[in-house]
Amino acid sequence: MTPSRRIQEAAVTDELQATIEGCIAAHRRLEGTLGSIDNEVARQLSRLPGWTVGHVLTHLARNAESHARMLDAAVEGGSTEQYPGGYEQRGSDIEAGSSRSSEELCDDVRVTAVALESAWARMTPKAWRGHGLAHGMEWPCWMLPFHRWREVEIHHADLGLSYSPAEWPDGYVARELPAALATLPDRLTSADARRVLAWLVGRFDQPADVNLVPWQATREHYFVPPPGLETDRRRVTIFRSRLRPEAVESYRPVAEHTEELARSMPGFTEIKTFTADDGERVSLVTFASAEEHEAWRVHPEHRAVQRRGREEFYQDYCIEVCQVISERSFTRR
């Protein structure tokens, strides 16, 4: 087996970049509110039961710190827990920090937000395909900026000061609303689910007394991604084939030319071809996106080769097109 070299890494998507920019803007809005917080305000109750404004600010700072820690680990090729001591550590850190002066609390929020923004800037395409850990569960790095944006928008409103959900930006709402709606089936009783569905399809009046199980009562609800947020857009074609015995020699130059054509296409990432002992050939062809993969599929010269393959070269073949949803790697040093 002689695999070919890797050509390039997958790029960060526009959606991921837009999410990061949205969260940076949320940081700046939060910083605007920090200027109004003095020691008296820091001690007053927030909108979260049992938490003061100081608790919420401490949580936001430790959250930013935890995200930067996970991202930095991914840059180094590893993974680490968001809170190494689990939720017990999270809770104790928040409690310990909540009684600090307003100056200390606000500086902590500012400094950790900027540090997180620096961590985003250090990320590589490969690192974005890594993951952090939440109680041992893998947490894809590409989801972290959206989850940080969520933390900032929701907890900014939880402070109970000048910012409210009415001021949540359209970009955040457009991403969060579909993710929140996706949790509805798990949060409705069987009867309420039918009433809501009947209303949605125009067969029932708007129900006024629907009871929802609290958001995040199921842990997985937190990790529902917003639509379109995928950092790894690569498409991998698995092409399995067997040649007709009489076509082996005539096929070789056609295959070599087709490979060179594929390498010249925008978005080409790599091709590797293996031949099993029983004669089956397996080619793995990777393009950076679905659009670039499709451009290769319908290329006129590629189409012509496909027709020749069916007419002259192949005894049989099978084509599978896959999206990369996870990647792990190891290099001995």
Protein backbone atom coordinates (compact mmCIF):
# COMPACT_ATOMS: atom_id res chain seq x y z
CA MET A 1 0.00 0.00 0.00
CA THR A 2 1.36 3.40 -0.95
CA PRO A 3 -0.69 6.27 0.47
CA SER A 4 -0.22 9.72 -1.00
CA ARG A 5 0.77 12.78 1.01
CA ARG A 6 -1.68 15.11 2.73
CA ILE A 7 -1.98 18.41 0.87
CA GLN A 8 -3.73 20.85 3.20
CA GLU A 9 -5.83 21.27 6.32
CA ALA A 10 -9.56 22.04 6.32
CA ALA A 11 -10.33 25.73 6.80
CA VAL A 12 -12.30 27.39 9.56
CA THR A 13 -15.80 28.01 8.27
CA ASP A 14 -17.45 31.40 7.87
CA GLU A 15 -20.10 30.34 10.39
CA LEU A 16 -17.53 29.56 13.07
CA GLN A 17 -15.82 32.89 12.43
CA ALA A 18 -19.17 34.70 12.63
CA THR A 19 -19.91 32.95 15.92
CA ILE A 20 -16.56 34.04 17.36
CA GLU A 21 -17.18 37.61 16.24
CA GLY A 22 -20.65 37.51 17.78
CA CYS A 23 -19.21 36.39 21.11
CA ILE A 24 -16.49 39.06 21.02
CA ALA A 25 -19.22 41.67 20.53
CA ALA A 26 -21.10 40.13 23.50
CA HIS A 27 -17.94 40.49 25.60
CA ARG A 28 -17.79 44.18 24.75
CA ARG A 29 -21.48 44.68 25.66
CA LEU A 30 -20.88 42.94 28.97
CA GLU A 31 -17.89 45.18 29.64
CA GLY A 32 -20.17 48.17 29.12
CA THR A 33 -22.37 46.91 31.96
CA LEU A 34 -19.39 46.28 34.25
CA GLY A 35 -18.82 50.02 34.54
CA SER A 36 -22.08 50.35 36.47
CA ILE A 37 -21.21 47.74 39.11
CA ASP A 38 -19.98 48.92 42.49
CA ASN A 39 -19.62 47.00 45.74
CA GLU A 40 -23.28 47.45 46.63
CA VAL A 41 -24.48 46.18 43.25
CA ALA A 42 -22.07 43.24 43.42
CA ARG A 43 -23.74 42.07 46.63
CA GLN A 44 -27.33 42.33 45.42
CA LEU A 45 -29.28 39.30 44.25
CA SER A 46 -29.21 38.44 40.57
CA ARG A 47 -32.06 36.86 38.62
CA LEU A 48 -30.60 33.43 39.40
CA PRO A 49 -31.94 31.90 42.63
CA GLY A 50 -29.32 32.00 45.37
CA TRP A 51 -26.74 33.88 43.32
CA THR A 52 -25.63 37.46 43.75
CA VAL A 53 -24.25 39.59 40.94
CA GLY A 54 -20.82 38.60 42.27
CA HIS A 55 -21.64 34.90 41.79
CA VAL A 56 -22.68 35.48 38.17
CA LEU A 57 -19.55 37.53 37.37
CA THR A 58 -17.29 34.92 38.95
CA HIS A 59 -19.00 32.18 36.95
CA LEU A 60 -18.48 34.11 33.70
CA ALA A 61 -14.79 34.54 34.46
CA ARG A 62 -14.21 30.90 35.41
CA ASN A 63 -16.18 29.81 32.33
CA ALA A 64 -13.91 31.84 30.03
CA GLU A 65 -10.87 30.43 31.82
CA SER A 66 -12.13 26.86 31.37
CA HIS A 67 -12.74 27.35 27.64
CA ALA A 68 -9.24 28.76 27.11
CA ARG A 69 -7.78 25.78 28.99
CA MET A 70 -9.61 23.27 26.75
CA LEU A 71 -8.64 25.11 23.56
CA ASP A 72 -4.99 25.40 24.53
CA ALA A 73 -4.91 21.67 25.22
CA ALA A 74 -6.36 21.02 21.75
CA VAL A 75 -3.63 23.15 20.15
CA GLU A 76 -1.10 20.85 21.84
CA GLY A 77 -2.91 17.81 20.47
CA GLY A 78 -4.54 16.81 23.76
CA SER A 79 -7.78 17.25 25.66
CA THR A 80 -8.61 18.30 29.19
CA GLU A 81 -11.63 18.61 31.43
CA GLN A 82 -13.43 21.93 31.53
CA TYR A 83 -13.28 21.79 35.32
CA PRO A 84 -10.61 19.29 36.44
CA GLY A 85 -12.33 18.98 39.82
CA GLY A 86 -15.77 18.56 38.24
CA TYR A 87 -18.85 20.55 39.15
CA GLU A 88 -17.82 20.47 42.82
CA GLN A 89 -14.76 22.54 41.91
CA ARG A 90 -16.88 24.79 39.70
CA GLY A 91 -19.27 25.49 42.55
CA SER A 92 -16.55 26.07 45.15
CA ASP A 93 -14.61 28.40 42.84
CA ILE A 94 -17.73 30.48 42.19
CA GLU A 95 -18.59 30.66 45.88
CA ALA A 96 -15.04 31.59 46.85
CA GLY A 97 -14.82 34.37 44.26
CA SER A 98 -18.27 35.86 44.68
CA SER A 99 -17.46 38.02 47.71
CA ARG A 100 -14.56 39.91 46.14
CA SER A 101 -14.70 43.65 45.60
CA SER A 102 -16.50 44.96 42.52
CA GLU A 103 -13.16 46.05 41.08
CA GLU A 104 -11.70 42.55 41.42
CA LEU A 105 -14.83 40.91 40.03
CA CYS A 106 -15.02 43.16 36.98
CA ASP A 107 -11.30 42.97 36.23
CA ASP A 108 -11.52 39.18 36.41
CA VAL A 109 -14.30 39.15 33.82
CA ARG A 110 -12.42 41.52 31.51
CA VAL A 111 -9.05 39.75 31.72
CA THR A 112 -10.42 36.22 31.22
CA ALA A 113 -12.57 37.32 28.27
CA VAL A 114 -9.57 38.82 26.51
CA ALA A 115 -7.51 35.71 27.30
CA LEU A 116 -10.19 33.54 25.72
CA GLU A 117 -10.24 35.72 22.61
CA SER A 118 -6.46 35.22 22.38
CA ALA A 119 -6.99 31.45 22.69
CA TRP A 120 -9.41 31.56 19.74
CA ALA A 121 -6.77 33.40 17.70
CA ARG A 122 -4.18 30.68 18.46
CA MET A 123 -6.38 27.86 17.23
CA THR A 124 -5.37 25.92 14.12
CA PRO A 125 -7.76 24.10 11.79
CA LYS A 126 -6.60 20.81 13.28
CA ALA A 127 -7.13 22.08 16.82
CA TRP A 128 -10.69 23.16 15.98
CA ARG A 129 -11.34 19.50 15.13
CA GLY A 130 -10.17 18.50 18.61
CA HIS A 131 -12.26 18.38 21.75
CA GLY A 132 -12.44 19.31 25.39
CA LEU A 133 -14.09 17.17 28.05
CA ALA A 134 -17.19 17.70 30.17
CA HIS A 135 -17.38 14.95 32.82
CA GLY A 136 -15.51 12.69 30.41
CA MET A 137 -17.86 13.44 27.50
CA GLU A 138 -16.11 14.78 24.41
CA TRP A 139 -16.97 18.42 23.71
CA PRO A 140 -15.96 19.45 20.16
CA CYS A 141 -13.83 22.58 20.10
CA TRP A 142 -15.85 24.01 17.22
CA MET A 143 -18.89 24.16 19.51
CA LEU A 144 -17.15 26.07 22.30
CA PRO A 145 -17.43 29.62 20.87
CA PHE A 146 -21.20 29.28 20.53
CA HIS A 147 -21.52 27.91 24.03
CA ARG A 148 -19.44 30.79 25.36
CA TRP A 149 -21.65 33.23 23.46
CA ARG A 150 -24.67 31.59 25.12
CA GLU A 151 -23.11 31.93 28.57
CA VAL A 152 -22.39 35.62 28.04
CA GLU A 153 -25.80 36.55 26.61
CA ILE A 154 -27.86 34.61 29.14
CA HIS A 155 -25.81 35.50 32.22
CA HIS A 156 -25.50 39.14 31.15
CA ALA A 157 -29.30 39.25 31.38
CA ASP A 158 -29.18 37.22 34.62
CA LEU A 159 -27.29 40.06 36.30
CA GLY A 160 -30.64 41.88 36.51
CA LEU A 161 -29.09 45.22 35.63
CA SER A 162 -29.41 47.16 32.37
CA TYR A 163 -29.36 44.21 29.92
CA SER A 164 -32.33 41.96 29.18
CA PRO A 165 -33.37 39.26 26.69
CA ALA A 166 -35.08 41.99 24.65
CA GLU A 167 -31.58 43.16 23.74
CA TRP A 168 -30.21 39.80 22.64
CA PRO A 169 -28.81 40.35 19.12
CA ASP A 170 -30.50 38.82 16.10
CA GLY A 171 -27.43 36.71 15.33
CA TYR A 172 -27.56 35.02 18.72
CA VAL A 173 -31.33 34.46 18.60
CA ALA A 174 -31.08 32.99 15.08
CA ARG A 175 -28.63 30.40 16.37
CA GLU A 176 -30.02 29.71 19.82
CA LEU A 177 -33.71 29.47 18.95
CA PRO A 178 -33.42 26.40 16.67
CA ALA A 179 -31.17 24.70 19.24
CA ALA A 180 -33.66 25.43 22.03
CA LEU A 181 -36.63 24.31 19.91
CA ALA A 182 -34.85 21.02 19.18
CA THR A 183 -35.15 20.18 22.88
CA LEU A 184 -38.95 20.65 22.96
CA PRO A 185 -39.94 17.01 22.27
CA ASP A 186 -38.01 15.92 25.38
CA ARG A 187 -39.54 18.68 27.51
CA LEU A 188 -43.24 18.15 26.75
CA THR A 189 -45.66 15.61 28.15
CA SER A 190 -47.24 13.30 25.62
CA ALA A 191 -50.52 15.22 25.76
CA ASP A 192 -48.87 18.64 25.49
CA ALA A 193 -46.74 17.44 22.60
CA ARG A 194 -49.89 16.65 20.64
CA ARG A 195 -51.49 20.01 21.48
CA VAL A 196 -48.37 21.93 20.45
CA LEU A 197 -48.05 19.94 17.23
CA ALA A 198 -51.72 20.49 16.38
CA TRP A 199 -51.22 24.24 16.93
CA LEU A 200 -48.08 24.31 14.77
CA VAL A 201 -49.87 22.64 11.86
CA GLY A 202 -52.90 24.92 12.19
CA ARG A 203 -55.28 22.40 13.72
CA PHE A 204 -55.58 23.76 17.26
CA ASP A 205 -55.73 27.10 19.05
CA GLN A 206 -52.53 28.31 20.69
CA PRO A 207 -52.26 26.31 23.94
CA ALA A 208 -52.05 28.52 27.01
CA ASP A 209 -51.08 26.06 29.72
CA VAL A 210 -48.23 23.97 28.32
CA ASN A 211 -45.77 22.84 30.97
CA LEU A 212 -42.12 22.47 29.97
CA VAL A 213 -39.53 20.44 31.82
CA PRO A 214 -36.78 22.96 32.72
CA TRP A 215 -34.16 23.65 30.06
CA GLN A 216 -31.06 21.50 30.55
CA ALA A 217 -32.87 19.11 32.87
CA THR A 218 -31.42 16.64 30.39
CA ARG A 219 -27.67 17.26 30.23
CA GLU A 220 -27.48 16.64 26.49
CA HIS A 221 -29.72 19.67 25.83
CA TYR A 222 -26.79 21.98 26.54
CA PHE A 223 -24.78 20.38 23.76
CA VAL A 224 -27.35 20.67 20.96
CA PRO A 225 -25.48 22.65 18.25
CA PRO A 226 -27.05 25.51 16.33
CA PRO A 227 -27.70 24.85 12.63
CA GLY A 228 -24.81 25.36 10.22
CA LEU A 229 -22.07 25.36 12.85
CA GLU A 230 -19.67 22.77 11.53
CA THR A 231 -15.98 23.44 11.35
CA ASP A 232 -15.10 20.28 9.45
CA ARG A 233 -16.79 20.44 6.07
CA ARG A 234 -14.60 17.80 4.43
CA ARG A 235 -16.17 15.17 2.23
CA VAL A 236 -14.47 11.81 1.83
CA THR A 237 -15.31 9.49 -1.04
CA ILE A 238 -14.69 5.80 -0.39
CA PHE A 239 -14.39 4.17 -3.80
CA ARG A 240 -14.18 0.37 -3.72
CA SER A 241 -13.68 -1.43 -7.01
CA ARG A 242 -12.49 -4.55 -8.77
CA LEU A 243 -10.99 -4.37 -12.23
CA ARG A 244 -11.72 -6.75 -15.05
CA PRO A 245 -8.56 -8.88 -15.46
CA GLU A 246 -8.12 -7.88 -19.10
CA ALA A 247 -8.39 -4.15 -18.23
CA VAL A 248 -5.61 -3.85 -15.66
CA GLU A 249 -2.93 -2.51 -18.00
CA SER A 250 -5.14 -0.13 -19.97
CA TYR A 251 -6.65 1.22 -16.73
CA ARG A 252 -3.34 2.32 -15.19
CA PRO A 253 -2.61 5.42 -17.35
CA VAL A 254 -6.24 6.52 -17.16
CA ALA A 255 -6.17 6.27 -13.35
CA GLU A 256 -2.92 8.24 -13.15
CA HIS A 257 -4.31 11.01 -15.35
CA THR A 258 -7.55 11.12 -13.36
CA GLU A 259 -5.63 11.45 -10.11
CA GLU A 260 -3.64 14.37 -11.49
CA LEU A 261 -6.90 15.99 -12.59
CA ALA A 262 -8.35 15.56 -9.09
CA ARG A 263 -5.24 17.11 -7.53
CA SER A 264 -5.69 20.19 -9.71
CA MET A 265 -9.25 20.81 -8.49
CA PRO A 266 -10.05 23.54 -5.94
CA GLY A 267 -10.49 22.08 -2.48
CA PHE A 268 -8.61 18.84 -3.17
CA THR A 269 -7.07 17.60 0.07
CA GLU A 270 -5.71 14.11 -0.47
CA ILE A 271 -6.05 10.78 -2.22
CA LYS A 272 -4.91 7.42 -0.96
CA THR A 273 -5.32 4.12 -2.79
CA PHE A 274 -4.89 0.66 -1.32
CA THR A 275 -5.10 -2.77 -2.93
CA ALA A 276 -6.17 -5.75 -0.83
CA ASP A 277 -4.78 -9.26 -1.23
CA ASP A 278 -7.97 -10.36 -2.97
CA GLY A 279 -7.58 -7.65 -5.62
CA GLU A 280 -10.14 -5.18 -4.32
CA ARG A 281 -8.99 -1.58 -4.65
CA VAL A 282 -10.01 1.11 -2.15
CA SER A 283 -9.44 4.79 -2.91
CA LEU A 284 -10.06 7.52 -0.31
CA VAL A 285 -10.51 10.92 -1.94
CA THR A 286 -10.97 13.98 0.28
CA PHE A 287 -12.19 17.46 -0.66
CA ALA A 288 -12.43 20.43 1.70
CA SER A 289 -16.18 20.95 1.27
CA ALA A 290 -19.34 19.49 -0.19
CA GLU A 291 -19.37 22.16 -2.90
CA GLU A 292 -15.82 21.38 -4.02
CA HIS A 293 -16.51 17.67 -3.88
CA GLU A 294 -19.56 18.18 -6.11
CA ALA A 295 -17.53 20.24 -8.58
CA TRP A 296 -15.15 17.30 -8.91
CA ARG A 297 -17.97 14.78 -9.26
CA VAL A 298 -19.54 16.61 -12.20
CA HIS A 299 -16.34 17.70 -13.93
CA PRO A 300 -16.80 16.81 -17.63
CA GLU A 301 -13.51 14.95 -17.93
CA HIS A 302 -14.21 13.03 -14.72
CA ARG A 303 -17.64 12.14 -16.06
CA ALA A 304 -16.08 10.78 -19.23
CA VAL A 305 -13.72 8.59 -17.18
CA GLN A 306 -16.65 7.33 -15.12
CA ARG A 307 -18.42 6.21 -18.30
CA ARG A 308 -15.28 4.44 -19.54
CA GLY A 309 -14.97 2.73 -16.16
CA ARG A 310 -18.41 1.18 -16.45
CA GLU A 311 -17.92 0.24 -20.11
CA GLU A 312 -14.30 -0.97 -20.09
CA PHE A 313 -12.55 -1.27 -16.72
CA TYR A 314 -14.65 -2.33 -13.73
CA GLN A 315 -16.04 -5.69 -12.79
CA ASP A 316 -17.91 -3.93 -9.96
CA TYR A 317 -17.61 -0.88 -7.73
CA CYS A 318 -19.24 0.85 -4.77
CA ILE A 319 -19.07 4.57 -3.95
CA GLU A 320 -19.76 6.02 -0.48
CA VAL A 321 -19.53 9.75 0.28
CA CYS A 322 -18.97 10.65 3.93
CA GLN A 323 -18.80 13.79 6.04
CA VAL A 324 -16.05 13.93 8.65
CA ILE A 325 -17.67 14.29 12.06
CA SER A 326 -14.67 13.51 14.25
CA GLU A 327 -10.93 13.05 13.94
CA ARG A 328 -8.32 11.54 16.26
CA SER A 329 -4.63 11.29 15.60
CA PHE A 330 -1.44 10.16 17.32
CA THR A 331 2.19 10.79 16.44
CA ARG A 332 4.94 9.16 18.44
CA ARG A 333 7.58 11.73 19.36
